[in-house]
């Protein structure tokens, strides 16, 4: 049985997955440490990033984008509001507010983002465009399956 499983483990697809996950894990860890040095967790950074580049969102959309539970995002939103980094946005007339970065939240993100990009460029060599296309197809196919709630 062990030989059979070893052969499965050596399939190119499985080796590719293990390599991608190892690269992701180590990069995520190192980038998280550098963000902490700037006074920001990686989870909080992801919220900053989405609100800065995409504008106001409801917590449910943030949770979906980040693949995090709604209660977890709600907790982050409350803390970030307490820290005056985000504010409510009622401009669309909805029953529930969207949230956007406050002026101080934007200033904080504008301070840490260039440092974050510098750390990324120190850790990662550019990926060839062909590989980016391939990885994007994998992501898109898997997201389609997730949205269809297909079981593997």
Foldseek 3Di string as FASTA:
>chain_A
DVVVVVVVCPPPVNVVVVVVVVLCVVLLVVLQVVVVVLVDGVLLLLVLVCCVVPNWAALVVSCVVVVHDSVVSVVVVVVCVVVQQKDWACPVVDPGTTIHGDPVNVVSSVVCVVVSVVSVVVSDDDDPPVVVVVVVVVVVVVVVCVVVVPDD
